[in-house]
Amino acid sequence: MGMPQLFEPKMLDFAQNFAFNTDLNDDERNFYHPIWGIFPSKSKLLRSQAHLSPMANTNNIPELPLDLVSLKSYANYRDKDHELLPPLQGLINESLEEILDIFYRKVLDNPTARAVFEHSGTSVESLKVTLRQWIRDLVATPLNDASFARQRRIGARHVEVALPHSFMILGMTLLKSLLSRFAFVAWREHPRKAERCRAHLETKCDLLLAIMLKSYEEDRERLHRDHILMENENILAMGRMSASIAHEIKNPLAGIHGAVTVLHGRTPEDSGEREIMSSVIEQVQRLSGTVSDLLEFARPVSPKARDISVGDLVDSLKVLDSDPDFNCIVGFQDPKHRGCLLHVDPLLMQNVLLNLFLNARDAGATELTLEVLRSDEGVTLTVRDNGPGVPDKLAEDLFKPFVTGKVHGTGLGLAICRKVIRTHGGRITYSGHSEGAAFDILLPVSGISS
């Protein structure tokens, strides 16, 4: 029999292009697809990144019910309407292979989705087996605890393969477009039943997707927590080791520095030994700086927050005025940004900005620009420079301890910065741009976290 006549080429093009088009606005999507009515923040859900933000502001988004009974009530799902679905089964089975071909052809046309599937090592044929059974269960099996558990496993599996959740939504949209039209073929002699059948099928798809997304969200949050916990444990272990090494080195270094300084003062200026001693003193001072970084990295951070403007923070970096090597021009993208208030520990934030400024200087930058942006998440302070940026091989691990591109760097400066920002309940990220580097510091408006 093949696909019903309702699946004419123009309609198929519309269904496929609509499903994988992220440029439509919420009003357009809401008009065509009731799925969006389940989710309170439609744009955020579709356009957010695949990786969770630990600071995402979700206070204004109601939680979806966790149990199936509440979820059915929430979506006004009527179990008795399931009796309208079995007549679709034969029609869908006849067109099932064509449906699967259309679905996966459209999926694989998208580079991101194709990369996810290729990375997971799963063949399209094996995916078709799974989706084939899912479609059959959709029309043959009532929405019960067993199907609830299956959808949760699907959501968890999508986390494992790192499939962006937007593709789950868009894939379901395409499936609904392809399947719901069978209701009008199966019940063409009974228009009211046809409409009830279509509405029930689409609502069931919506609920199955909601269950998948809830499981996806929970698993992704769990993985994020586990990752942060493991990372913190590693940093704590490195901090203890660093502190132990630093304390062992600190006193002998101080003794060496003092002794060589005395000998240096007693040595005639025209002596070749004096130059050697000067070099020893310089290297000892450099090692002392490394020891200080190790101790700073290991030391617990206890911020003493108060309100201070971004402009005052920058102005407080007086040390730069006396540094003949610092020739960067520091400015604001908008003069109004100087007055933006932050609730932070001024001394700790000065050290963060100083580290970023000096890193830019060391990289060869001559201009630094600060930008402030307010959002629901908090205040983002962006520091941009016109230097060469960070090499790609370092960018991913930039904030990890002991990662550096400098010849004599310890690789602890940005790790300490991240530690300070996290203690304030925020985050710091790096993004290269066409003319240098950019660091985004996001701080919550609520101030310091517990």
Protein backbone atom coordinates (compact mmCIF):
# COMPACT_ATOMS: atom_id res chain seq x y z
CA MET A 1 0.00 0.00 0.00
CA GLY A 2 2.83 2.41 0.82
CA MET A 3 2.47 5.74 2.51
CA PRO A 4 -1.06 7.24 2.62
CA GLN A 5 -1.89 9.87 0.05
CA LEU A 6 -1.69 12.44 2.84
CA PHE A 7 2.09 12.05 2.61
CA GLU A 8 2.40 14.03 -0.57
CA PRO A 9 5.87 15.47 -1.33
CA LYS A 10 5.04 19.03 -0.21
CA MET A 11 3.71 17.81 3.13
CA LEU A 12 6.71 15.57 3.68
CA ASP A 13 9.08 18.45 2.92
CA PHE A 14 7.20 20.61 5.40
CA ALA A 15 7.30 17.94 8.12
CA GLN A 16 11.00 17.25 7.68
CA ASN A 17 12.13 20.86 7.36
CA PHE A 18 9.93 21.95 10.24
CA ALA A 19 11.21 19.25 12.56
CA PHE A 20 14.88 20.08 12.12
CA ASN A 21 14.55 23.85 11.70
CA THR A 22 15.72 25.65 14.86
CA ASP A 23 15.02 29.11 13.42
CA LEU A 24 11.25 29.08 13.94
CA ASN A 25 10.02 31.20 16.82
CA ASP A 26 8.02 29.87 19.77
CA ASP A 27 4.67 31.14 18.44
CA GLU A 28 5.18 29.30 15.15
CA ARG A 29 6.18 26.06 16.88
CA ASN A 30 3.41 26.32 19.48
CA PHE A 31 0.78 26.79 16.76
CA TYR A 32 1.76 23.65 14.90
CA HIS A 33 2.90 21.36 17.69
CA PRO A 34 1.30 20.87 21.13
CA ILE A 35 4.52 19.29 22.43
CA TRP A 36 5.77 22.77 23.35
CA GLY A 37 2.86 23.28 25.74
CA ILE A 38 4.37 20.75 28.15
CA PHE A 39 7.60 22.67 28.55
CA PRO A 40 7.41 26.07 30.29
CA SER A 41 10.60 27.54 28.82
CA LYS A 42 10.57 26.57 25.17
CA SER A 43 13.46 28.61 23.76
CA LYS A 44 15.78 27.68 26.61
CA LEU A 45 15.03 24.01 26.26
CA LEU A 46 15.68 23.96 22.52
CA ARG A 47 18.69 26.23 22.34
CA SER A 48 20.60 25.38 25.52
CA GLN A 49 23.95 23.58 25.18
CA ALA A 50 24.34 19.85 25.46
CA HIS A 51 26.32 20.18 28.71
CA LEU A 52 24.53 21.32 31.84
CA SER A 53 25.27 24.69 33.33
CA PRO A 54 25.74 24.30 37.08
CA MET A 55 24.38 27.82 37.48
CA ALA A 56 21.33 27.52 35.21
CA ASN A 57 18.50 29.60 36.64
CA THR A 58 15.57 27.18 36.69
CA ASN A 59 13.70 28.65 39.65
CA ASN A 60 10.90 29.90 37.39
CA ILE A 61 10.45 26.56 35.58
CA PRO A 62 7.94 24.20 37.24
CA GLU A 63 9.08 20.64 37.78
CA LEU A 64 7.42 17.96 35.67
CA PRO A 65 5.64 15.30 37.75
CA LEU A 66 7.79 12.23 38.30
CA ASP A 67 5.08 9.55 38.44
CA LEU A 68 3.04 8.36 35.48
CA VAL A 69 -0.38 9.05 37.04
CA SER A 70 0.45 12.69 37.73
CA LEU A 71 2.04 13.07 34.31
CA LYS A 72 -1.10 11.76 32.59
CA SER A 73 -3.25 14.13 34.59
CA TYR A 74 -0.91 17.02 33.84
CA ALA A 75 -1.30 16.42 30.08
CA ASN A 76 -5.01 15.49 30.23
CA TYR A 77 -4.21 12.04 28.83
CA ARG A 78 -7.20 9.66 28.62
CA ASP A 79 -6.36 5.94 28.79
CA LYS A 80 -9.67 4.90 27.23
CA ASP A 81 -8.74 6.68 23.97
CA HIS A 82 -5.99 4.09 23.47
CA GLU A 83 -8.65 1.86 21.89
CA LEU A 84 -8.55 4.20 18.87
CA LEU A 85 -4.91 3.35 18.07
CA PRO A 86 -4.85 -0.39 17.17
CA PRO A 87 -6.63 0.18 13.80
CA LEU A 88 -3.58 2.23 12.79
CA GLN A 89 -1.22 -0.67 13.32
CA GLY A 90 -1.75 -2.44 10.01
CA LEU A 91 -1.54 0.79 8.02
CA ILE A 92 1.64 1.88 9.77
CA ASN A 93 3.25 -1.55 9.37
CA GLU A 94 2.73 -1.36 5.62
CA SER A 95 4.55 1.99 5.46
CA LEU A 96 6.98 1.41 8.31
CA GLU A 97 10.14 0.94 6.27
CA GLU A 98 9.42 4.10 4.31
CA ILE A 99 8.84 6.00 7.57
CA LEU A 100 12.15 4.75 8.96
CA ASP A 101 14.00 5.68 5.76
CA ILE A 102 12.57 9.20 5.81
CA PHE A 103 13.36 9.64 9.50
CA TYR A 104 16.99 8.51 9.39
CA ARG A 105 17.69 10.18 6.07
CA LYS A 106 16.65 13.48 7.63
CA VAL A 107 18.59 12.76 10.83
CA LEU A 108 21.78 11.92 8.97
CA ASP A 109 21.44 15.04 6.85
CA ASN A 110 22.25 16.99 10.01
CA PRO A 111 26.04 17.06 10.64
CA THR A 112 25.71 17.16 14.45
CA ALA A 113 23.32 14.23 14.64
CA ARG A 114 25.39 12.26 12.13
CA ALA A 115 28.55 12.84 14.19
CA VAL A 116 26.82 11.61 17.35
CA PHE A 117 25.71 8.39 15.70
CA GLU A 118 29.09 7.79 14.07
CA HIS A 119 30.87 8.40 17.38
CA SER A 120 28.58 5.97 19.22
CA GLY A 121 29.51 3.23 16.73
CA THR A 122 25.85 2.30 16.23
CA SER A 123 24.70 1.44 12.70
CA VAL A 124 21.57 2.94 11.19
CA GLU A 125 20.18 -0.56 10.66
CA SER A 126 20.40 -1.37 14.37
CA LEU A 127 18.81 2.00 15.17
CA LYS A 128 15.99 1.18 12.77
CA VAL A 129 15.35 -2.06 14.69
CA THR A 130 14.90 -0.08 17.90
CA LEU A 131 12.72 2.62 16.35
CA ARG A 132 10.64 0.03 14.47
CA GLN A 133 9.74 -1.65 17.76
CA TRP A 134 9.14 1.71 19.46
CA ILE A 135 6.60 2.73 16.77
CA ARG A 136 4.81 -0.63 17.04
CA ASP A 137 4.63 -0.31 20.82
CA LEU A 138 3.34 3.25 20.44
CA VAL A 139 0.10 2.11 18.80
CA ALA A 140 -0.19 -1.38 20.32
CA THR A 141 0.80 -0.93 23.97
CA PRO A 142 -1.02 1.21 26.56
CA LEU A 143 0.96 3.85 28.41
CA ASN A 144 1.80 1.95 31.59
CA ASP A 145 4.64 1.52 34.06
CA ALA A 146 6.56 -0.76 31.68
CA SER A 147 6.52 1.82 28.87
CA PHE A 148 7.38 4.53 31.42
CA ALA A 149 10.51 2.57 32.38
CA ARG A 150 11.44 2.00 28.71
CA GLN A 151 11.31 5.72 27.93
CA ARG A 152 13.52 6.47 30.93
CA ARG A 153 16.10 4.01 29.61
CA ILE A 154 15.97 5.71 26.20
CA GLY A 155 16.59 9.10 27.81
CA ALA A 156 19.55 7.71 29.75
CA ARG A 157 20.96 6.12 26.59
CA HIS A 158 20.85 9.46 24.79
CA VAL A 159 23.00 10.92 27.56
CA GLU A 160 25.52 8.11 27.08
CA VAL A 161 25.90 8.86 23.36
CA ALA A 162 25.90 12.65 24.02
CA LEU A 163 22.89 13.33 21.80
CA PRO A 164 21.77 16.96 22.28
CA HIS A 165 18.30 16.91 23.79
CA SER A 166 17.03 19.29 21.10
CA PHE A 167 17.33 16.41 18.62
CA MET A 168 15.06 14.29 20.81
CA ILE A 169 12.42 17.00 20.57
CA LEU A 170 12.90 17.57 16.87
CA GLY A 171 12.98 13.84 16.12
CA MET A 172 9.69 13.35 17.96
CA THR A 173 8.20 16.28 16.04
CA LEU A 174 9.08 14.59 12.77
CA LEU A 175 7.67 11.25 13.93
CA LYS A 176 4.40 12.87 14.97
CA SER A 177 4.16 14.56 11.58
CA LEU A 178 4.68 11.19 9.87
CA LEU A 179 2.41 9.07 12.10
CA SER A 180 -0.53 11.23 13.11
CA ARG A 181 -1.92 11.39 9.58
CA PHE A 182 -2.66 7.67 9.69
CA ALA A 183 -5.48 8.52 12.12
CA PHE A 184 -7.42 10.16 9.31
CA VAL A 185 -6.88 7.16 7.03
CA ALA A 186 -7.88 4.54 9.63
CA TRP A 187 -10.95 6.51 10.79
CA ARG A 188 -11.86 8.30 7.58
CA GLU A 189 -15.51 7.27 7.97
CA HIS A 190 -15.64 8.77 11.48
CA PRO A 191 -14.13 12.31 11.49
CA ARG A 192 -14.60 12.85 15.22
CA LYS A 193 -12.87 9.60 16.08
CA ALA A 194 -10.13 10.45 13.61
CA GLU A 195 -9.49 13.73 15.41
CA ARG A 196 -9.60 12.06 18.84
CA CYS A 197 -7.20 9.39 17.57
CA ARG A 198 -4.77 12.00 16.23
CA ALA A 199 -4.92 14.03 19.44
CA HIS A 200 -4.40 10.92 21.58
CA LEU A 201 -1.45 9.73 19.47
CA GLU A 202 0.25 13.12 19.62
CA THR A 203 -0.39 13.51 23.36
CA LYS A 204 1.08 10.05 23.95
CA CYS A 205 4.15 11.03 21.95
CA ASP A 206 4.40 14.20 24.01
CA LEU A 207 4.28 12.25 27.27
CA LEU A 208 6.82 9.68 26.11
CA LEU A 209 9.13 12.52 25.12
CA ALA A 210 8.58 14.26 28.46
CA ILE A 211 9.58 11.05 30.27
CA MET A 212 12.70 10.69 28.08
CA LEU A 213 13.70 14.31 28.68
CA LYS A 214 13.18 14.03 32.42
CA SER A 215 15.39 10.95 32.54
CA TYR A 216 17.90 12.69 30.25
CA GLU A 217 18.01 15.70 32.55
CA GLU A 218 18.44 13.60 35.70
CA ASP A 219 21.18 11.45 34.21
CA ARG A 220 23.04 14.43 32.83
CA GLU A 221 22.87 16.22 36.18
CA ARG A 222 24.11 13.07 37.90
CA LEU A 223 27.03 12.78 35.48
CA HIS A 224 27.81 16.46 35.98
CA ARG A 225 27.79 16.04 39.78
CA ASP A 226 29.99 12.95 39.53
CA HIS A 227 32.40 14.79 37.24
CA ILE A 228 32.61 17.79 39.59
CA LEU A 229 33.05 15.50 42.61
CA MET A 230 35.85 13.56 40.95
CA GLU A 231 37.49 16.76 39.75
CA ASN A 232 37.29 18.28 43.23
CA GLU A 233 38.76 15.15 44.79
CA ASN A 234 41.66 15.25 42.31
CA ILE A 235 42.24 18.94 42.95
CA LEU A 236 42.09 18.37 46.71
CA ALA A 237 44.68 15.59 46.43
CA MET A 238 46.92 17.78 44.25
CA GLY A 239 46.46 20.64 46.68
CA ARG A 240 47.61 18.54 49.63
CA MET A 241 50.59 17.25 47.68
CA SER A 242 51.43 20.79 46.52
CA ALA A 243 51.25 22.15 50.06
CA SER A 244 53.48 19.36 51.35
CA ILE A 245 56.09 19.93 48.64
CA ALA A 246 55.93 23.71 49.03
CA HIS A 247 56.50 23.57 52.78
CA GLU A 248 59.45 21.23 52.30
CA ILE A 249 61.03 23.61 49.78
CA LYS A 250 60.11 26.97 51.28
CA ASN A 251 62.51 27.12 54.23
CA PRO A 252 65.60 25.75 52.42
CA LEU A 253 64.97 28.23 49.58
CA ALA A 254 64.76 31.10 52.04
CA GLY A 255 68.07 29.99 53.55
CA ILE A 256 69.74 29.74 50.13
CA HIS A 257 68.39 33.14 49.11
CA GLY A 258 69.64 34.77 52.30
CA ALA A 259 73.11 33.19 52.16
CA VAL A 260 73.68 33.98 48.47
CA THR A 261 72.44 37.54 48.98
CA VAL A 262 75.01 38.06 51.77
CA LEU A 263 77.81 36.62 49.63
CA HIS A 264 76.64 38.72 46.69
CA GLY A 265 76.98 41.86 48.78
CA ARG A 266 80.51 40.96 49.85
CA THR A 267 81.73 40.16 46.34
CA PRO A 268 83.47 42.93 44.35
CA GLU A 269 81.35 44.35 41.56
CA ASP A 270 83.94 43.54 38.92
CA SER A 271 84.10 39.88 39.98
CA GLY A 272 82.73 37.23 37.61
CA GLU A 273 81.38 35.39 40.66
CA ARG A 274 79.03 38.30 41.39
CA GLU A 275 77.22 37.74 38.07
CA ILE A 276 76.82 34.04 38.87
CA MET A 277 75.38 34.90 42.28
CA SER A 278 72.95 37.36 40.69
CA SER A 279 71.73 34.55 38.43
CA VAL A 280 71.34 32.22 41.44
CA ILE A 281 69.32 34.86 43.32
CA GLU A 282 67.09 35.39 40.29
CA GLN A 283 66.40 31.65 39.95
CA VAL A 284 65.76 31.28 43.69
CA GLN A 285 63.23 34.12 43.49
CA ARG A 286 61.54 32.40 40.58
CA LEU A 287 61.33 29.15 42.58
CA SER A 288 59.96 31.11 45.53
CA GLY A 289 57.21 32.39 43.24
CA THR A 290 56.41 28.81 42.26
CA VAL A 291 56.24 27.81 45.93
CA SER A 292 53.89 30.73 46.60
CA ASP A 293 51.64 29.58 43.75
CA LEU A 294 51.58 26.04 45.15
CA LEU A 295 50.60 27.31 48.60
CA GLU A 296 47.96 29.63 47.13
CA PHE A 297 46.52 26.74 45.13
CA ALA A 298 46.35 24.53 48.23
CA ARG A 299 44.96 27.21 50.57
CA PRO A 300 41.16 27.13 51.23
CA VAL A 301 39.33 30.19 49.92
CA SER A 302 36.97 32.02 52.28
CA PRO A 303 35.58 35.07 50.48
CA LYS A 304 34.51 38.19 52.38
CA ALA A 305 32.01 39.61 49.92
CA ARG A 306 30.74 43.14 49.60
CA ASP A 307 29.33 45.28 46.81
CA ILE A 308 31.93 46.88 44.58
CA SER A 309 31.71 48.30 41.06
CA VAL A 310 33.64 46.76 38.19
CA GLY A 311 35.31 50.13 37.59
CA ASP A 312 36.58 50.30 41.19
CA LEU A 313 37.91 46.76 40.91
CA VAL A 314 39.95 47.66 37.84
CA ASP A 315 41.12 50.96 39.34
CA SER A 316 42.33 49.12 42.43
CA LEU A 317 44.99 47.29 40.41
CA LYS A 318 47.56 50.00 41.18
CA VAL A 319 50.37 47.49 40.87
CA LEU A 320 50.02 47.74 37.09
CA ASP A 321 50.84 51.47 37.18
CA SER A 322 54.31 50.75 38.50
CA ASP A 323 55.00 47.83 36.16
CA PRO A 324 57.11 49.15 33.25
CA ASP A 325 56.46 45.94 31.29
CA PHE A 326 52.67 46.35 31.40
CA ASN A 327 51.82 48.46 28.38
CA CYS A 328 48.25 47.28 27.79
CA ILE A 329 45.44 49.80 27.41
CA VAL A 330 42.51 48.73 29.63
CA GLY A 331 39.10 50.04 28.64
CA PHE A 332 35.37 49.28 28.76
CA GLN A 333 33.21 48.44 25.76
CA ASP A 334 30.59 50.80 27.25
CA PRO A 335 31.53 53.41 29.91
CA LYS A 336 28.29 52.57 31.74
CA HIS A 337 29.70 49.12 32.50
CA ARG A 338 32.14 50.66 34.98
CA GLY A 339 29.30 51.26 37.43
CA CYS A 340 27.96 47.69 37.40
CA LEU A 341 27.96 46.32 40.98
CA LEU A 342 29.33 42.89 41.86
CA HIS A 343 28.90 41.12 45.21
CA VAL A 344 32.37 39.66 45.60
CA ASP A 345 35.50 39.62 47.72
CA PRO A 346 37.40 42.62 46.24
CA LEU A 347 40.87 41.27 47.02
CA LEU A 348 40.20 37.85 45.52
CA MET A 349 38.60 39.34 42.40
CA GLN A 350 41.51 41.76 42.02
CA ASN A 351 43.83 38.76 41.92
CA VAL A 352 41.66 37.08 39.26
CA LEU A 353 41.66 40.18 37.04
CA LEU A 354 45.36 40.76 37.64
CA ASN A 355 46.12 37.20 36.54
CA LEU A 356 44.10 37.63 33.35
CA PHE A 357 45.67 41.02 32.60
CA LEU A 358 49.23 39.77 33.10
CA ASN A 359 48.56 36.63 31.04
CA ALA A 360 47.38 38.87 28.20
CA ARG A 361 50.49 41.03 28.58
CA ASP A 362 52.77 37.98 28.55
CA ALA A 363 51.04 36.72 25.39
CA GLY A 364 51.81 39.98 23.58
CA ALA A 365 48.45 41.77 23.86
CA THR A 366 48.44 45.57 23.81
CA GLU A 367 44.73 46.18 24.43
CA LEU A 368 42.28 44.82 27.00
CA THR A 369 38.53 45.40 26.79
CA LEU A 370 36.02 44.70 29.56
CA GLU A 371 32.34 44.05 28.88
CA VAL A 372 29.51 43.53 31.37
CA LEU A 373 26.27 41.70 30.57
CA ARG A 374 23.32 41.08 32.87
CA SER A 375 21.10 37.99 32.43
CA ASP A 376 18.82 35.69 34.43
CA GLU A 377 21.89 33.73 35.49
CA GLY A 378 23.76 36.72 36.91
CA VAL A 379 26.42 39.14 35.74
CA THR A 380 28.96 38.13 33.09
CA LEU A 381 32.24 40.04 33.06
CA THR A 382 34.14 39.43 29.83
CA VAL A 383 37.84 40.24 29.50
CA ARG A 384 39.03 40.37 25.87
CA ASP A 385 42.51 40.99 24.53
CA ASN A 386 44.07 41.44 21.11
CA GLY A 387 46.82 38.87 21.63
CA PRO A 388 47.34 35.60 19.74
CA GLY A 389 44.87 33.63 21.85
CA VAL A 390 45.40 30.21 23.42
CA PRO A 391 46.64 27.25 21.29
CA ASP A 392 43.88 24.75 20.58
CA LYS A 393 45.82 21.94 22.26
CA LEU A 394 45.77 23.87 25.56
CA ALA A 395 42.30 25.43 25.40
CA GLU A 396 40.37 22.36 26.58
CA ASP A 397 42.51 21.87 29.72
CA LEU A 398 43.26 25.53 30.32
CA PHE A 399 41.86 25.67 33.87
CA LYS A 400 43.39 22.42 35.05
CA PRO A 401 46.34 22.65 37.47
CA PHE A 402 49.84 22.62 35.98
CA VAL A 403 48.67 23.28 32.40
CA THR A 404 50.59 26.17 30.85
CA GLY A 405 51.94 27.43 27.56
CA LYS A 406 54.63 29.55 29.22
CA VAL A 407 58.26 28.48 29.38
CA HIS A 408 58.56 29.30 33.08
CA GLY A 409 54.88 29.15 34.09
CA THR A 410 53.56 26.93 36.89
CA GLY A 411 50.17 26.40 35.26
CA LEU A 412 48.40 27.32 38.50
CA GLY A 413 47.25 30.87 37.79
CA LEU A 414 44.03 30.03 35.94
CA ALA A 415 43.37 27.03 38.21
CA ILE A 416 43.44 29.44 41.16
CA CYS A 417 41.17 31.84 39.24
CA ARG A 418 38.63 29.08 38.67
CA LYS A 419 38.82 28.08 42.33
CA VAL A 420 38.09 31.68 43.42
CA ILE A 421 35.20 32.12 40.96
CA ARG A 422 33.65 28.79 41.94
CA THR A 423 33.82 29.77 45.59
CA HIS A 424 31.76 32.81 44.66
CA GLY A 425 29.18 30.46 43.09
CA GLY A 426 30.19 31.35 39.54
CA ARG A 427 32.19 29.98 36.66
CA ILE A 428 34.94 31.14 34.32
CA THR A 429 35.25 29.96 30.72
CA TYR A 430 37.57 30.66 27.82
CA SER A 431 36.53 31.39 24.26
CA GLY A 432 38.96 32.29 21.51
CA HIS A 433 37.93 34.87 18.97
CA SER A 434 39.28 36.12 15.67
CA GLU A 435 41.56 38.72 17.25
CA GLY A 436 42.70 37.28 20.57
CA ALA A 437 41.37 35.61 23.71
CA ALA A 438 38.24 36.16 25.77
CA PHE A 439 37.49 35.03 29.33
CA ASP A 440 33.89 35.09 30.58
CA ILE A 441 33.39 35.33 34.35
CA LEU A 442 29.80 34.60 35.34
CA LEU A 443 28.85 35.63 38.88
CA PRO A 444 25.39 35.03 40.38
CA VAL A 445 23.46 38.08 41.49
CA SER A 446 22.81 36.35 44.82
CA GLY A 447 26.46 36.65 45.80
CA ILE A 448 28.62 33.96 47.37
CA SER A 449 27.38 30.40 47.38
CA SER A 450 27.54 28.17 50.39
